[in-house]
Amino acid sequence: MKGESPEQKWDRLQREYQTAVQASYPNPERHGCPGTDVLRDLAARSTRFEDLEEDSQWKHVIHCAPCYREFLDRRESCRLGDEAKVQRESR
């Protein structure tokens, strides 16, 4: 939207995508979900666009509301963990 910072725009787009995934791919019984270890691994590493196109685990995550939500939560935890680590190291 007009006047948004890049971070605000990114946050808005993420919320909109999450809403779209929730509506389009609810998967309440979690059929085909790769599991917590895989989601933790995906959250901890960088992603290239090619990964989204070619990696079956990524394809599942971006087309499964429960997995996408768990991925976002785990990614946030990784990010906060990295920030805490940087803060501890800078003391």
N, C-alpha and C. Protein backbone atom coordinates (compact mmCIF):
# COMPACT_ATOMS: atom_id res chain seq x y z
N MET A 1 0.83 -1.17 0.00
CA MET A 1 0.00 0.00 0.00
C MET A 1 0.88 1.25 0.00
N LYS A 2 0.30 2.34 -0.37
CA LYS A 2 1.05 3.59 -0.45
C LYS A 2 1.57 3.98 0.93
N GLY A 3 2.82 4.36 0.99
CA GLY A 3 3.42 4.80 2.23
C GLY A 3 3.98 3.69 3.10
N GLU A 4 3.90 2.44 2.63
CA GLU A 4 4.44 1.33 3.40
C GLU A 4 5.95 1.29 3.28
N SER A 5 6.59 0.93 4.37
CA SER A 5 8.02 0.65 4.30
C SER A 5 8.18 -0.72 3.63
N PRO A 6 9.37 -1.05 3.15
CA PRO A 6 9.56 -2.38 2.58
C PRO A 6 9.21 -3.51 3.57
N GLU A 7 9.54 -3.31 4.83
CA GLU A 7 9.23 -4.33 5.83
C GLU A 7 7.72 -4.47 6.03
N GLN A 8 7.01 -3.35 6.06
CA GLN A 8 5.56 -3.40 6.20
C GLN A 8 4.92 -4.09 4.99
N LYS A 9 5.43 -3.79 3.82
CA LYS A 9 4.91 -4.42 2.61
C LYS A 9 5.15 -5.93 2.65
N TRP A 10 6.36 -6.33 3.04
CA TRP A 10 6.70 -7.75 3.15
C TRP A 10 5.76 -8.45 4.14
N ASP A 11 5.56 -7.82 5.31
CA ASP A 11 4.67 -8.40 6.32
C ASP A 11 3.24 -8.53 5.79
N ARG A 12 2.76 -7.51 5.09
CA ARG A 12 1.41 -7.55 4.53
C ARG A 12 1.29 -8.67 3.50
N LEU A 13 2.27 -8.78 2.62
CA LEU A 13 2.23 -9.83 1.60
C LEU A 13 2.28 -11.21 2.23
N GLN A 14 3.06 -11.38 3.27
CA GLN A 14 3.11 -12.67 3.96
C GLN A 14 1.74 -13.01 4.56
N ARG A 15 1.09 -12.04 5.19
CA ARG A 15 -0.25 -12.28 5.76
C ARG A 15 -1.25 -12.64 4.67
N GLU A 16 -1.18 -11.94 3.54
CA GLU A 16 -2.10 -12.23 2.44
C GLU A 16 -1.85 -13.63 1.88
N TYR A 17 -0.59 -14.01 1.74
CA TYR A 17 -0.28 -15.35 1.24
C TYR A 17 -0.76 -16.41 2.24
N GLN A 18 -0.52 -16.18 3.53
CA GLN A 18 -0.98 -17.13 4.55
C GLN A 18 -2.49 -17.31 4.48
N THR A 19 -3.21 -16.23 4.31
CA THR A 19 -4.67 -16.29 4.19
C THR A 19 -5.07 -17.10 2.96
N ALA A 20 -4.38 -16.87 1.85
CA ALA A 20 -4.69 -17.60 0.62
C ALA A 20 -4.39 -19.09 0.76
N VAL A 21 -3.26 -19.44 1.38
CA VAL A 21 -2.92 -20.85 1.58
C VAL A 21 -3.95 -21.51 2.49
N GLN A 22 -4.34 -20.82 3.56
CA GLN A 22 -5.33 -21.35 4.49
C GLN A 22 -6.65 -21.66 3.77
N ALA A 23 -7.06 -20.74 2.92
CA ALA A 23 -8.34 -20.92 2.21
C ALA A 23 -8.25 -21.98 1.12
N SER A 24 -7.13 -22.03 0.43
CA SER A 24 -7.00 -22.91 -0.73
C SER A 24 -6.51 -24.32 -0.40
N TYR A 25 -5.71 -24.45 0.65
CA TYR A 25 -5.08 -25.74 0.97
C TYR A 25 -5.20 -26.06 2.47
N PRO A 26 -6.42 -26.25 2.98
CA PRO A 26 -6.57 -26.42 4.43
C PRO A 26 -5.92 -27.69 5.00
N ASN A 27 -6.02 -28.82 4.35
CA ASN A 27 -5.41 -30.10 4.76
C ASN A 27 -5.54 -30.36 6.27
N PRO A 28 -6.76 -30.40 6.82
CA PRO A 28 -6.91 -30.58 8.27
C PRO A 28 -6.39 -31.91 8.80
N GLU A 29 -6.35 -32.92 7.96
CA GLU A 29 -5.86 -34.23 8.40
C GLU A 29 -4.36 -34.39 8.14
N ARG A 30 -3.74 -33.38 7.57
CA ARG A 30 -2.29 -33.31 7.32
C ARG A 30 -1.79 -34.50 6.48
N HIS A 31 -2.51 -34.79 5.40
CA HIS A 31 -2.09 -35.84 4.48
C HIS A 31 -0.82 -35.43 3.76
N GLY A 32 0.16 -36.32 3.76
CA GLY A 32 1.40 -36.09 3.01
C GLY A 32 2.36 -35.10 3.65
N CYS A 33 2.10 -34.70 4.87
CA CYS A 33 2.97 -33.72 5.52
C CYS A 33 4.35 -34.34 5.82
N PRO A 34 5.42 -33.56 5.59
CA PRO A 34 6.76 -34.11 5.73
C PRO A 34 7.26 -34.29 7.16
N GLY A 35 6.62 -33.68 8.13
CA GLY A 35 7.02 -33.85 9.53
C GLY A 35 7.82 -32.68 10.07
N THR A 36 7.89 -32.65 11.39
CA THR A 36 8.52 -31.54 12.10
C THR A 36 10.00 -31.39 11.77
N ASP A 37 10.73 -32.49 11.66
CA ASP A 37 12.17 -32.39 11.36
C ASP A 37 12.42 -31.71 10.02
N VAL A 38 11.64 -32.07 9.02
CA VAL A 38 11.78 -31.46 7.70
C VAL A 38 11.43 -29.97 7.76
N LEU A 39 10.34 -29.64 8.44
CA LEU A 39 9.94 -28.23 8.55
C LEU A 39 10.99 -27.43 9.30
N ARG A 40 11.59 -28.00 10.33
CA ARG A 40 12.66 -27.33 11.07
C ARG A 40 13.85 -27.08 10.14
N ASP A 41 14.21 -28.08 9.34
CA ASP A 41 15.33 -27.94 8.40
C ASP A 41 15.04 -26.86 7.36
N LEU A 42 13.85 -26.87 6.80
CA LEU A 42 13.49 -25.86 5.80
C LEU A 42 13.51 -24.46 6.41
N ALA A 43 13.05 -24.34 7.64
CA ALA A 43 13.01 -23.03 8.30
C ALA A 43 14.41 -22.50 8.59
N ALA A 44 15.35 -23.39 8.80
CA ALA A 44 16.69 -22.99 9.20
C ALA A 44 17.60 -22.63 8.02
N ARG A 45 17.19 -22.95 6.81
CA ARG A 45 18.08 -22.69 5.68
C ARG A 45 17.50 -21.66 4.73
N SER A 46 18.38 -21.09 3.94
CA SER A 46 17.95 -20.14 2.92
C SER A 46 17.29 -20.90 1.78
N THR A 47 16.43 -20.20 1.07
CA THR A 47 15.70 -20.83 -0.02
C THR A 47 15.92 -20.06 -1.31
N ARG A 48 16.18 -20.80 -2.35
CA ARG A 48 16.27 -20.21 -3.68
C ARG A 48 14.94 -20.45 -4.38
N PHE A 49 14.61 -19.60 -5.33
CA PHE A 49 13.37 -19.77 -6.08
C PHE A 49 13.31 -21.15 -6.72
N GLU A 50 14.44 -21.63 -7.22
CA GLU A 50 14.49 -22.94 -7.87
C GLU A 50 14.06 -24.05 -6.90
N ASP A 51 14.39 -23.88 -5.60
CA ASP A 51 13.98 -24.88 -4.61
C ASP A 51 12.47 -24.99 -4.55
N LEU A 52 11.80 -23.85 -4.62
CA LEU A 52 10.34 -23.86 -4.55
C LEU A 52 9.73 -24.60 -5.73
N GLU A 53 10.38 -24.53 -6.86
CA GLU A 53 9.87 -25.17 -8.07
C GLU A 53 10.20 -26.66 -8.13
N GLU A 54 11.36 -27.06 -7.59
CA GLU A 54 11.87 -28.42 -7.81
C GLU A 54 11.78 -29.34 -6.60
N ASP A 55 11.82 -28.80 -5.41
CA ASP A 55 11.88 -29.60 -4.19
C ASP A 55 10.47 -30.01 -3.75
N SER A 56 10.22 -31.31 -3.66
CA SER A 56 8.88 -31.79 -3.31
C SER A 56 8.48 -31.38 -1.89
N GLN A 57 9.43 -31.27 -1.00
CA GLN A 57 9.09 -30.84 0.36
C GLN A 57 8.63 -29.39 0.37
N TRP A 58 9.33 -28.53 -0.36
CA TRP A 58 8.90 -27.14 -0.46
C TRP A 58 7.54 -27.03 -1.14
N LYS A 59 7.35 -27.80 -2.19
CA LYS A 59 6.06 -27.77 -2.89
C LYS A 59 4.93 -28.10 -1.93
N HIS A 60 5.17 -29.12 -1.08
CA HIS A 60 4.13 -29.47 -0.12
C HIS A 60 3.88 -28.33 0.86
N VAL A 61 4.94 -27.77 1.43
CA VAL A 61 4.81 -26.74 2.45
C VAL A 61 4.04 -25.53 1.94
N ILE A 62 4.30 -25.11 0.72
CA ILE A 62 3.63 -23.92 0.21
C ILE A 62 2.22 -24.21 -0.31
N HIS A 63 1.83 -25.49 -0.25
CA HIS A 63 0.47 -25.89 -0.65
C HIS A 63 -0.26 -26.62 0.47
N CYS A 64 0.14 -26.37 1.72
CA CYS A 64 -0.48 -27.03 2.87
C CYS A 64 -0.53 -26.02 4.02
N ALA A 65 -1.72 -25.60 4.39
CA ALA A 65 -1.86 -24.57 5.41
C ALA A 65 -1.20 -24.95 6.74
N PRO A 66 -1.43 -26.15 7.27
CA PRO A 66 -0.79 -26.48 8.55
C PRO A 66 0.74 -26.48 8.47
N CYS A 67 1.28 -27.02 7.39
CA CYS A 67 2.73 -27.04 7.24
C CYS A 67 3.30 -25.65 7.04
N TYR A 68 2.61 -24.84 6.26
CA TYR A 68 3.09 -23.47 6.03
C TYR A 68 3.08 -22.69 7.34
N ARG A 69 2.03 -22.84 8.14
CA ARG A 69 1.96 -22.15 9.44
C ARG A 69 3.09 -22.61 10.35
N GLU A 70 3.32 -23.93 10.41
CA GLU A 70 4.40 -24.46 11.25
C GLU A 70 5.75 -23.98 10.74
N PHE A 71 5.93 -23.97 9.41
CA PHE A 71 7.16 -23.47 8.83
C PHE A 71 7.41 -22.02 9.25
N LEU A 72 6.38 -21.17 9.14
CA LEU A 72 6.53 -19.76 9.52
C LEU A 72 6.90 -19.63 10.99
N ASP A 73 6.25 -20.41 11.85
CA ASP A 73 6.56 -20.36 13.27
C ASP A 73 8.00 -20.79 13.53
N ARG A 74 8.42 -21.85 12.88
CA ARG A 74 9.79 -22.33 13.08
C ARG A 74 10.82 -21.37 12.50
N ARG A 75 10.50 -20.76 11.37
CA ARG A 75 11.41 -19.77 10.78
C ARG A 75 11.56 -18.57 11.71
N GLU A 76 10.47 -18.13 12.30
CA GLU A 76 10.52 -17.03 13.25
C GLU A 76 11.38 -17.40 14.46
N SER A 77 11.23 -18.61 14.95
CA SER A 77 12.05 -19.07 16.07
C SER A 77 13.53 -19.08 15.70
N CYS A 78 13.83 -19.55 14.50
CA CYS A 78 15.23 -19.54 14.03
C CYS A 78 15.75 -18.12 13.95
N ARG A 79 14.95 -17.24 13.41
CA ARG A 79 15.36 -15.84 13.26
C ARG A 79 15.61 -15.22 14.63
N LEU A 80 14.70 -15.43 15.57
CA LEU A 80 14.86 -14.88 16.92
C LEU A 80 16.05 -15.51 17.62
N GLY A 81 16.27 -16.78 17.38
CA GLY A 81 17.44 -17.46 17.95
C GLY A 81 18.73 -16.87 17.42
N ASP A 82 18.77 -16.58 16.12
CA ASP A 82 19.96 -15.98 15.53
C ASP A 82 20.20 -14.58 16.09
N GLU A 83 19.13 -13.81 16.27
CA GLU A 83 19.27 -12.47 16.83
C GLU A 83 19.78 -12.53 18.25
N ALA A 84 19.27 -13.47 19.05
CA ALA A 84 19.72 -13.62 20.43
C ALA A 84 21.19 -14.02 20.47
N LYS A 85 21.57 -14.90 19.55
CA LYS A 85 22.97 -15.34 19.47
C LYS A 85 23.88 -14.17 19.14
N VAL A 86 23.49 -13.35 18.17
CA VAL A 86 24.28 -12.18 17.79
C VAL A 86 24.40 -11.22 18.97
N GLN A 87 23.29 -11.02 19.70
CA GLN A 87 23.32 -10.13 20.85
C GLN A 87 24.26 -10.65 21.92
N ARG A 88 24.23 -11.97 22.19
CA ARG A 88 25.12 -12.55 23.20
C ARG A 88 26.58 -12.42 22.78
N GLU A 89 26.86 -12.64 21.48
CA GLU A 89 28.23 -12.57 20.99
C GLU A 89 28.78 -11.15 20.99
N SER A 90 27.91 -10.15 20.90
CA SER A 90 28.37 -8.77 20.83
C SER A 90 28.65 -8.18 22.22
N ARG A 91 28.34 -8.92 23.27
CA ARG A 91 28.58 -8.42 24.64
C ARG A 91 30.02 -8.53 25.03
